[in-house]
Amino acid sequence: MMDGASEPSAKIFLWKLFKRINCAPADDLFDKISDEDIIEVYFTDHTPIFRSIKFYRETSYTVDEALCSTWYDFSKRSLIITLKVMRKVLTFIKKNHHLTMPYNVPGHVIEEVGTEFQLRHWMQMKYISGAHKNGKLAAVISISSIDPLGRKAAH
């Protein structure tokens, strides 16, 4: 930002989101988030509702692309990693977890799909957490870090 002003923390925007959708996050969620993390929030049907500013700084997705596509439609990773992520998310949703848990998914390459620049990143999925409404899981929060690898190689 200009004039040395610092960018608002993703935690502030995340808290406002939870207030707006009337959900309560896991008690330990905010302890797991750093300013360097990418935060993504999805309803339990995988519809995206929030991505942190850091997400937009590191990727070439437009707001429309990022909020109108599910994670598995707008990005590509190896099939094995995709299955591990899906298994973790579906298990998390089924068990209605109230804590923030490590993803336990190995670091991997993720590629943008359908963007102008088709950037590639090394992704480390750190934590999965939830936000509850009336005791039921209403949203899933993903905390990750990414490092740029450049553009996708031309075929």
C-alpha atoms as a PDB file:
ATOM      1  CA  MET A   1       0.000   0.000   0.000  1.00  0.00           C
ATOM      2  CA  MET A   2       1.044   3.589  -0.443  1.00  0.00           C
ATOM      3  CA  ASP A   3       2.648   5.919   2.105  1.00  0.00           C
ATOM      4  CA  GLY A   4       3.939   3.044   4.229  1.00  0.00           C
ATOM      5  CA  ALA A   5       0.433   2.182   5.427  1.00  0.00           C
ATOM      6  CA  SER A   6       0.113  -1.465   6.264  1.00  0.00           C
ATOM      7  CA  GLU A   7      -2.425  -3.718   4.630  1.00  0.00           C
ATOM      8  CA  PRO A   8      -5.267  -4.814   6.902  1.00  0.00           C
ATOM      9  CA  SER A   9      -4.753  -8.291   8.269  1.00  0.00           C
ATOM     10  CA  ALA A  10      -6.621 -11.192   6.685  1.00  0.00           C
ATOM     11  CA  LYS A  11      -7.846 -11.919  10.204  1.00  0.00           C
ATOM     12  CA  ILE A  12      -9.885  -8.690  10.227  1.00  0.00           C
ATOM     13  CA  PHE A  13     -11.628  -9.523   6.956  1.00  0.00           C
ATOM     14  CA  LEU A  14     -12.152 -13.106   8.053  1.00  0.00           C
ATOM     15  CA  TRP A  15     -13.761 -12.015  11.324  1.00  0.00           C
ATOM     16  CA  LYS A  16     -16.086  -9.666   9.395  1.00  0.00           C
ATOM     17  CA  LEU A  17     -17.042 -12.533   7.094  1.00  0.00           C
ATOM     18  CA  PHE A  18     -17.968 -14.761  10.040  1.00  0.00           C
ATOM     19  CA  LYS A  19     -20.108 -11.985  11.505  1.00  0.00           C
ATOM     20  CA  ARG A  20     -21.807 -11.436   8.155  1.00  0.00           C
ATOM     21  CA  ILE A  21     -22.659 -15.126   7.613  1.00  0.00           C
ATOM     22  CA  ASN A  22     -23.483 -15.530  11.315  1.00  0.00           C
ATOM     23  CA  CYS A  23     -20.974 -18.323  11.930  1.00  0.00           C
ATOM     24  CA  ALA A  24     -18.563 -19.039  14.757  1.00  0.00           C
ATOM     25  CA  PRO A  25     -15.014 -20.093  13.820  1.00  0.00           C
ATOM     26  CA  ALA A  26     -13.029 -22.722  15.695  1.00  0.00           C
ATOM     27  CA  ASP A  27     -11.548 -21.293  18.894  1.00  0.00           C
ATOM     28  CA  ASP A  28      -7.974 -21.909  17.734  1.00  0.00           C
ATOM     29  CA  LEU A  29      -8.330 -20.687  14.128  1.00  0.00           C
ATOM     30  CA  PHE A  30      -6.801 -17.224  14.476  1.00  0.00           C
ATOM     31  CA  ASP A  31      -3.768 -18.613  16.324  1.00  0.00           C
ATOM     32  CA  LYS A  32      -2.890 -20.635  13.202  1.00  0.00           C
ATOM     33  CA  ILE A  33      -3.001 -17.749  10.690  1.00  0.00           C
ATOM     34  CA  SER A  34       0.015 -15.620   9.784  1.00  0.00           C
ATOM     35  CA  ASP A  35       0.084 -12.555   7.534  1.00  0.00           C
ATOM     36  CA  GLU A  36       1.957 -14.645   4.948  1.00  0.00           C
ATOM     37  CA  ASP A  37      -0.789 -17.250   4.660  1.00  0.00           C
ATOM     38  CA  ILE A  38      -3.420 -17.557   1.990  1.00  0.00           C
ATOM     39  CA  ILE A  39      -6.863 -17.971   3.498  1.00  0.00           C
ATOM     40  CA  GLU A  40      -9.749 -19.480   1.567  1.00  0.00           C
ATOM     41  CA  VAL A  41     -13.274 -20.077   2.864  1.00  0.00           C
ATOM     42  CA  TYR A  42     -15.843 -22.321   1.223  1.00  0.00           C
ATOM     43  CA  PHE A  43     -19.367 -23.361   2.040  1.00  0.00           C
ATOM     44  CA  THR A  44     -19.549 -27.117   2.603  1.00  0.00           C
ATOM     45  CA  ASP A  45     -20.659 -27.628  -1.029  1.00  0.00           C
ATOM     46  CA  HIS A  46     -17.235 -26.201  -2.110  1.00  0.00           C
ATOM     47  CA  THR A  47     -18.694 -22.844  -3.197  1.00  0.00           C
ATOM     48  CA  PRO A  48     -16.061 -20.183  -2.453  1.00  0.00           C
ATOM     49  CA  ILE A  49     -17.046 -17.216  -0.270  1.00  0.00           C
ATOM     50  CA  PHE A  50     -13.722 -15.636   0.670  1.00  0.00           C
ATOM     51  CA  ARG A  51     -10.114 -15.447  -0.425  1.00  0.00           C
ATOM     52  CA  SER A  52      -7.567 -13.264   1.324  1.00  0.00           C
ATOM     53  CA  ILE A  53      -5.876 -10.313  -0.372  1.00  0.00           C
ATOM     54  CA  LYS A  54      -2.639 -12.331  -0.336  1.00  0.00           C
ATOM     55  CA  PHE A  55      -4.348 -14.857  -2.638  1.00  0.00           C
ATOM     56  CA  TYR A  56      -4.961 -12.152  -5.248  1.00  0.00           C
ATOM     57  CA  ARG A  57      -1.431 -10.772  -4.907  1.00  0.00           C
ATOM     58  CA  GLU A  58       0.167 -14.174  -5.549  1.00  0.00           C
ATOM     59  CA  THR A  59      -2.100 -15.487  -8.308  1.00  0.00           C
ATOM     60  CA  SER A  60      -3.453 -14.089 -11.564  1.00  0.00           C
ATOM     61  CA  TYR A  61      -7.110 -14.898 -10.895  1.00  0.00           C
ATOM     62  CA  THR A  62      -9.692 -12.154 -11.190  1.00  0.00           C
ATOM     63  CA  VAL A  63     -12.211 -11.760  -8.381  1.00  0.00           C
ATOM     64  CA  ASP A  64     -14.874 -13.257 -10.668  1.00  0.00           C
ATOM     65  CA  GLU A  65     -12.711 -16.294 -11.453  1.00  0.00           C
ATOM     66  CA  ALA A  66     -11.806 -16.808  -7.807  1.00  0.00           C
ATOM     67  CA  LEU A  67     -15.307 -16.499  -6.409  1.00  0.00           C
ATOM     68  CA  CYS A  68     -17.303 -18.176  -9.181  1.00  0.00           C
ATOM     69  CA  SER A  69     -15.344 -21.417  -9.443  1.00  0.00           C
ATOM     70  CA  THR A  70     -14.729 -24.288  -7.085  1.00  0.00           C
ATOM     71  CA  TRP A  71     -11.127 -25.006  -6.096  1.00  0.00           C
ATOM     72  CA  TYR A  72     -11.011 -28.167  -8.187  1.00  0.00           C
ATOM     73  CA  ASP A  73     -12.239 -26.357 -11.334  1.00  0.00           C
ATOM     74  CA  PHE A  74      -9.844 -23.429 -11.363  1.00  0.00           C
ATOM     75  CA  SER A  75      -6.634 -25.126 -10.341  1.00  0.00           C
ATOM     76  CA  LYS A  76      -4.823 -28.309 -11.245  1.00  0.00           C
ATOM     77  CA  ARG A  77      -2.579 -30.552  -9.175  1.00  0.00           C
ATOM     78  CA  SER A  78      -1.616 -34.180  -9.427  1.00  0.00           C
ATOM     79  CA  LEU A  79      -4.460 -36.664  -9.142  1.00  0.00           C
ATOM     80  CA  ILE A  80      -2.957 -38.250  -6.023  1.00  0.00           C
ATOM     81  CA  ILE A  81      -2.780 -34.883  -4.243  1.00  0.00           C
ATOM     82  CA  THR A  82      -6.286 -33.951  -5.402  1.00  0.00           C
ATOM     83  CA  LEU A  83      -7.637 -37.196  -3.946  1.00  0.00           C
ATOM     84  CA  LYS A  84      -5.802 -36.594  -0.648  1.00  0.00           C
ATOM     85  CA  VAL A  85      -7.227 -33.069  -0.397  1.00  0.00           C
ATOM     86  CA  MET A  86     -10.750 -34.274  -1.221  1.00  0.00           C
ATOM     87  CA  ARG A  87     -10.518 -37.077   1.313  1.00  0.00           C
ATOM     88  CA  LYS A  88      -9.325 -34.693   4.033  1.00  0.00           C
ATOM     89  CA  VAL A  89     -12.056 -32.135   3.288  1.00  0.00           C
ATOM     90  CA  LEU A  90     -14.866 -34.689   3.045  1.00  0.00           C
ATOM     91  CA  THR A  91     -13.763 -36.392   6.274  1.00  0.00           C
ATOM     92  CA  PHE A  92     -13.559 -33.004   8.000  1.00  0.00           C
ATOM     93  CA  ILE A  93     -17.088 -32.125   6.857  1.00  0.00           C
ATOM     94  CA  LYS A  94     -18.516 -35.538   7.777  1.00  0.00           C
ATOM     95  CA  LYS A  95     -17.067 -35.422  11.294  1.00  0.00           C
ATOM     96  CA  ASN A  96     -18.281 -31.823  11.851  1.00  0.00           C
ATOM     97  CA  HIS A  97     -14.931 -30.903  13.430  1.00  0.00           C
ATOM     98  CA  HIS A  98     -14.777 -27.976  15.847  1.00  0.00           C
ATOM     99  CA  LEU A  99     -10.972 -27.646  15.872  1.00  0.00           C
ATOM    100  CA  THR A 100      -8.359 -26.479  13.417  1.00  0.00           C
ATOM    101  CA  MET A 101      -6.423 -29.473  12.116  1.00  0.00           C
ATOM    102  CA  PRO A 102      -3.239 -29.943  10.067  1.00  0.00           C
ATOM    103  CA  TYR A 103      -3.922 -30.875   6.464  1.00  0.00           C
ATOM    104  CA  ASN A 104      -1.215 -33.558   6.363  1.00  0.00           C
ATOM    105  CA  VAL A 105      -1.087 -33.238   2.572  1.00  0.00           C
ATOM    106  CA  PRO A 106       2.422 -33.082   1.070  1.00  0.00           C
ATOM    107  CA  GLY A 107       3.642 -29.879  -0.563  1.00  0.00           C
ATOM    108  CA  HIS A 108       2.878 -29.897  -4.274  1.00  0.00           C
ATOM    109  CA  VAL A 109       2.755 -27.950  -7.521  1.00  0.00           C
ATOM    110  CA  ILE A 110      -0.527 -26.229  -8.280  1.00  0.00           C
ATOM    111  CA  GLU A 111      -1.325 -24.737 -11.689  1.00  0.00           C
ATOM    112  CA  GLU A 112      -3.835 -22.064 -12.569  1.00  0.00           C
ATOM    113  CA  VAL A 113      -6.438 -23.177 -15.112  1.00  0.00           C
ATOM    114  CA  GLY A 114      -8.024 -20.764 -17.566  1.00  0.00           C
ATOM    115  CA  THR A 115      -6.131 -17.640 -16.514  1.00  0.00           C
ATOM    116  CA  GLU A 116      -4.206 -15.373 -18.839  1.00  0.00           C
ATOM    117  CA  PHE A 117      -0.848 -16.123 -17.214  1.00  0.00           C
ATOM    118  CA  GLN A 118      -1.410 -19.753 -16.103  1.00  0.00           C
ATOM    119  CA  LEU A 119       0.939 -19.359 -13.147  1.00  0.00           C
ATOM    120  CA  ARG A 120       2.384 -22.304 -11.235  1.00  0.00           C
ATOM    121  CA  HIS A 121       3.076 -22.344  -7.496  1.00  0.00           C
ATOM    122  CA  TRP A 122       4.502 -24.632  -4.869  1.00  0.00           C
ATOM    123  CA  MET A 123       1.703 -25.032  -2.332  1.00  0.00           C
ATOM    124  CA  GLN A 124       1.873 -26.159   1.264  1.00  0.00           C
ATOM    125  CA  MET A 125      -1.564 -26.737   2.717  1.00  0.00           C
ATOM    126  CA  LYS A 126      -1.173 -26.021   6.413  1.00  0.00           C
ATOM    127  CA  TYR A 127      -4.519 -26.204   8.202  1.00  0.00           C
ATOM    128  CA  ILE A 128      -8.183 -26.924   7.675  1.00  0.00           C
ATOM    129  CA  SER A 129     -10.746 -25.430  10.001  1.00  0.00           C
ATOM    130  CA  GLY A 130     -14.446 -24.783  10.195  1.00  0.00           C
ATOM    131  CA  ALA A 131     -17.062 -22.211  11.013  1.00  0.00           C
ATOM    132  CA  HIS A 132     -20.275 -23.395  12.605  1.00  0.00           C
ATOM    133  CA  LYS A 133     -23.834 -22.136  12.671  1.00  0.00           C
ATOM    134  CA  ASN A 134     -26.198 -23.612  15.244  1.00  0.00           C
ATOM    135  CA  GLY A 135     -23.671 -26.378  15.964  1.00  0.00           C
ATOM    136  CA  LYS A 136     -23.463 -27.477  12.333  1.00  0.00           C
ATOM    137  CA  LEU A 137     -20.479 -26.965  10.062  1.00  0.00           C
ATOM    138  CA  ALA A 138     -21.375 -24.159   7.643  1.00  0.00           C
ATOM    139  CA  ALA A 139     -18.012 -23.249   6.121  1.00  0.00           C
ATOM    140  CA  VAL A 140     -14.563 -24.758   5.683  1.00  0.00           C
ATOM    141  CA  ILE A 141     -11.427 -22.643   6.000  1.00  0.00           C
ATOM    142  CA  SER A 142      -8.167 -23.534   4.275  1.00  0.00           C
ATOM    143  CA  ILE A 143      -4.857 -22.016   5.392  1.00  0.00           C
ATOM    144  CA  SER A 144      -1.979 -22.434   2.939  1.00  0.00           C
ATOM    145  CA  SER A 145       1.227 -20.905   1.715  1.00  0.00           C
ATOM    146  CA  ILE A 146       2.399 -20.687  -1.875  1.00  0.00           C
ATOM    147  CA  ASP A 147       5.653 -19.820  -3.595  1.00  0.00           C
ATOM    148  CA  PRO A 148       5.707 -18.803  -7.272  1.00  0.00           C
ATOM    149  CA  LEU A 149       7.302 -21.137  -9.804  1.00  0.00           C
ATOM    150  CA  GLY A 150       6.525 -19.107 -12.945  1.00  0.00           C
ATOM    151  CA  ARG A 151       4.285 -19.700 -15.922  1.00  0.00           C
ATOM    152  CA  LYS A 152       3.078 -23.073 -17.092  1.00  0.00           C
ATOM    153  CA  ALA A 153       5.332 -24.486 -19.797  1.00  0.00           C
ATOM    154  CA  ALA A 154       3.960 -24.252 -23.339  1.00  0.00           C
ATOM    155  CA  HIS A 155       2.971 -27.573 -24.890  1.00  0.00           C
END
